[in-house]
Amino acid sequence: MRFLIPMDSQDVEEAKITKLEDVKVWYQVLIEDGKVQNIAFAKDREDFSELSDGVIVIDDGEYVWPFIEMSMLILVAHTQRYFDDIIEAYIFKELHDLAY
């Protein structure tokens, strides 16, 4: 699956997930067989050549309607902030569905 993640930096080791209105760089992460296969970066989420299957946001209060309209899966990283923690939580199914 390909996920979009709004982050505050392109430095994968130090970057933290941000609110959608504060995003500095979008990560598009391809996860297959429990492993990260590819990470792409863009200033705008529309700039990726591949379509994303879902988006991971920081909390339930995010404005995600544009993603819902595109039938994307929306997951919430309530406690995870760093990239590696978010990916690990996804692999172990610890991310939450959006509470409407």
C-alpha atoms as a PDB file:
ATOM      1  CA  MET A   1       0.000   0.000   0.000  1.00  0.00           C
ATOM      2  CA  ARG A   2       1.048   3.569  -0.644  1.00  0.00           C
ATOM      3  CA  PHE A   3       0.455   6.044   2.158  1.00  0.00           C
ATOM      4  CA  LEU A   4       0.811   9.791   2.378  1.00  0.00           C
ATOM      5  CA  ILE A   5       2.205  11.178   5.625  1.00  0.00           C
ATOM      6  CA  PRO A   6       2.429  14.934   6.371  1.00  0.00           C
ATOM      7  CA  MET A   7       5.841  15.590   7.930  1.00  0.00           C
ATOM      8  CA  ASP A   8       7.883  18.551   9.153  1.00  0.00           C
ATOM      9  CA  SER A   9      11.187  17.627   7.472  1.00  0.00           C
ATOM     10  CA  GLN A  10      12.677  15.498   4.713  1.00  0.00           C
ATOM     11  CA  ASP A  11      15.203  14.074   7.210  1.00  0.00           C
ATOM     12  CA  VAL A  12      13.679  10.614   7.757  1.00  0.00           C
ATOM     13  CA  GLU A  13      15.582  10.110  11.029  1.00  0.00           C
ATOM     14  CA  GLU A  14      14.367  13.337  12.670  1.00  0.00           C
ATOM     15  CA  ALA A  15      11.085  14.179  10.922  1.00  0.00           C
ATOM     16  CA  LYS A  16       7.836  14.245  12.879  1.00  0.00           C
ATOM     17  CA  ILE A  17       4.275  13.935  11.656  1.00  0.00           C
ATOM     18  CA  THR A  18       2.444  17.280  11.585  1.00  0.00           C
ATOM     19  CA  LYS A  19      -1.062  18.619  11.284  1.00  0.00           C
ATOM     20  CA  LEU A  20      -2.235  18.898   7.680  1.00  0.00           C
ATOM     21  CA  GLU A  21      -2.160  22.709   7.782  1.00  0.00           C
ATOM     22  CA  ASP A  22       1.471  22.681   9.021  1.00  0.00           C
ATOM     23  CA  VAL A  23       2.943  20.160   6.569  1.00  0.00           C
ATOM     24  CA  LYS A  24       6.354  21.083   5.141  1.00  0.00           C
ATOM     25  CA  VAL A  25       6.937  17.926   3.098  1.00  0.00           C
ATOM     26  CA  TRP A  26       4.726  14.988   2.140  1.00  0.00           C
ATOM     27  CA  TYR A  27       6.105  11.472   2.331  1.00  0.00           C
ATOM     28  CA  GLN A  28       4.643   8.856   0.018  1.00  0.00           C
ATOM     29  CA  VAL A  29       5.611   5.507   1.461  1.00  0.00           C
ATOM     30  CA  LEU A  30       5.207   2.177  -0.313  1.00  0.00           C
ATOM     31  CA  ILE A  31       4.875  -0.701   2.163  1.00  0.00           C
ATOM     32  CA  GLU A  32       4.820  -4.275   0.850  1.00  0.00           C
ATOM     33  CA  ASP A  33       5.299  -7.527   2.742  1.00  0.00           C
ATOM     34  CA  GLY A  34       5.789  -5.631   5.997  1.00  0.00           C
ATOM     35  CA  LYS A  35       8.699  -3.571   4.681  1.00  0.00           C
ATOM     36  CA  VAL A  36       9.191  -0.064   3.347  1.00  0.00           C
ATOM     37  CA  GLN A  37       9.950  -0.497  -0.351  1.00  0.00           C
ATOM     38  CA  ASN A  38      10.141   3.165  -1.350  1.00  0.00           C
ATOM     39  CA  ILE A  39       9.863   6.670   0.086  1.00  0.00           C
ATOM     40  CA  ALA A  40       9.181   9.662  -2.151  1.00  0.00           C
ATOM     41  CA  PHE A  41       9.053  13.308  -1.060  1.00  0.00           C
ATOM     42  CA  ALA A  42       7.074  16.279  -2.383  1.00  0.00           C
ATOM     43  CA  LYS A  43       6.072  19.749  -1.219  1.00  0.00           C
ATOM     44  CA  ASP A  44       2.511  19.185  -2.461  1.00  0.00           C
ATOM     45  CA  ARG A  45       0.595  15.924  -2.144  1.00  0.00           C
ATOM     46  CA  GLU A  46      -0.610  16.294  -5.742  1.00  0.00           C
ATOM     47  CA  ASP A  47       2.964  16.098  -7.081  1.00  0.00           C
ATOM     48  CA  PHE A  48       3.406  12.320  -6.770  1.00  0.00           C
ATOM     49  CA  SER A  49       3.233  10.297  -9.982  1.00  0.00           C
ATOM     50  CA  GLU A  50       1.676   7.278  -8.226  1.00  0.00           C
ATOM     51  CA  LEU A  51      -1.727   7.426  -6.547  1.00  0.00           C
ATOM     52  CA  SER A  52      -1.838   6.790  -2.814  1.00  0.00           C
ATOM     53  CA  ASP A  53      -4.112   4.255  -1.130  1.00  0.00           C
ATOM     54  CA  GLY A  54      -4.313   6.078   2.171  1.00  0.00           C
ATOM     55  CA  VAL A  55      -3.151   8.865   4.430  1.00  0.00           C
ATOM     56  CA  ILE A  56      -1.855   8.790   7.993  1.00  0.00           C
ATOM     57  CA  VAL A  57      -2.787  11.829  10.089  1.00  0.00           C
ATOM     58  CA  ILE A  58      -1.842  13.042  13.558  1.00  0.00           C
ATOM     59  CA  ASP A  59      -5.307  13.115  15.171  1.00  0.00           C
ATOM     60  CA  ASP A  60      -9.042  12.666  14.652  1.00  0.00           C
ATOM     61  CA  GLY A  61      -9.600  16.424  14.358  1.00  0.00           C
ATOM     62  CA  GLU A  62      -7.839  16.766  11.015  1.00  0.00           C
ATOM     63  CA  TYR A  63      -9.819  17.958   7.991  1.00  0.00           C
ATOM     64  CA  VAL A  64      -9.676  14.811   5.865  1.00  0.00           C
ATOM     65  CA  TRP A  65     -12.703  15.300   3.617  1.00  0.00           C
ATOM     66  CA  PRO A  66     -10.592  15.611   0.421  1.00  0.00           C
ATOM     67  CA  PHE A  67      -9.086  12.188   1.177  1.00  0.00           C
ATOM     68  CA  ILE A  68     -12.499  10.687   1.929  1.00  0.00           C
ATOM     69  CA  GLU A  69     -13.760  11.976  -1.429  1.00  0.00           C
ATOM     70  CA  MET A  70     -10.891  10.110  -3.113  1.00  0.00           C
ATOM     71  CA  SER A  71     -11.885   6.907  -1.241  1.00  0.00           C
ATOM     72  CA  MET A  72      -8.567   6.787   0.580  1.00  0.00           C
ATOM     73  CA  LEU A  73      -8.005   4.808   3.765  1.00  0.00           C
ATOM     74  CA  ILE A  74      -7.452   7.184   6.685  1.00  0.00           C
ATOM     75  CA  LEU A  75      -5.390   6.049   9.652  1.00  0.00           C
ATOM     76  CA  VAL A  76      -4.511   8.026  12.769  1.00  0.00           C
ATOM     77  CA  ALA A  77      -1.163   7.990  14.584  1.00  0.00           C
ATOM     78  CA  HIS A  78      -2.407   9.110  18.003  1.00  0.00           C
ATOM     79  CA  THR A  79       0.841   8.517  19.888  1.00  0.00           C
ATOM     80  CA  GLN A  80       3.449   7.904  17.187  1.00  0.00           C
ATOM     81  CA  ARG A  81       5.342  10.983  16.005  1.00  0.00           C
ATOM     82  CA  TYR A  82       8.533   9.844  14.267  1.00  0.00           C
ATOM     83  CA  PHE A  83       8.576   8.136  10.862  1.00  0.00           C
ATOM     84  CA  ASP A  84       9.973   4.800  12.079  1.00  0.00           C
ATOM     85  CA  ASP A  85       7.417   4.648  14.904  1.00  0.00           C
ATOM     86  CA  ILE A  86       4.560   5.322  12.481  1.00  0.00           C
ATOM     87  CA  ILE A  87       5.719   2.621  10.056  1.00  0.00           C
ATOM     88  CA  GLU A  88       6.196   0.109  12.868  1.00  0.00           C
ATOM     89  CA  ALA A  89       2.714   0.902  14.195  1.00  0.00           C
ATOM     90  CA  TYR A  90       1.241   0.373  10.706  1.00  0.00           C
ATOM     91  CA  ILE A  91       2.987  -2.972  10.264  1.00  0.00           C
ATOM     92  CA  PHE A  92       1.789  -4.182  13.670  1.00  0.00           C
ATOM     93  CA  LYS A  93      -1.722  -2.769  13.062  1.00  0.00           C
ATOM     94  CA  GLU A  94      -1.450  -0.282  15.927  1.00  0.00           C
ATOM     95  CA  LEU A  95      -2.713   2.734  13.989  1.00  0.00           C
ATOM     96  CA  HIS A  96      -6.369   3.620  14.447  1.00  0.00           C
ATOM     97  CA  ASP A  97      -9.165   4.222  11.981  1.00  0.00           C
ATOM     98  CA  LEU A  98     -10.475   7.767  11.945  1.00  0.00           C
ATOM     99  CA  ALA A  99     -13.214   8.365  14.528  1.00  0.00           C
ATOM    100  CA  TYR A 100     -15.909  10.343  12.717  1.00  0.00           C
END
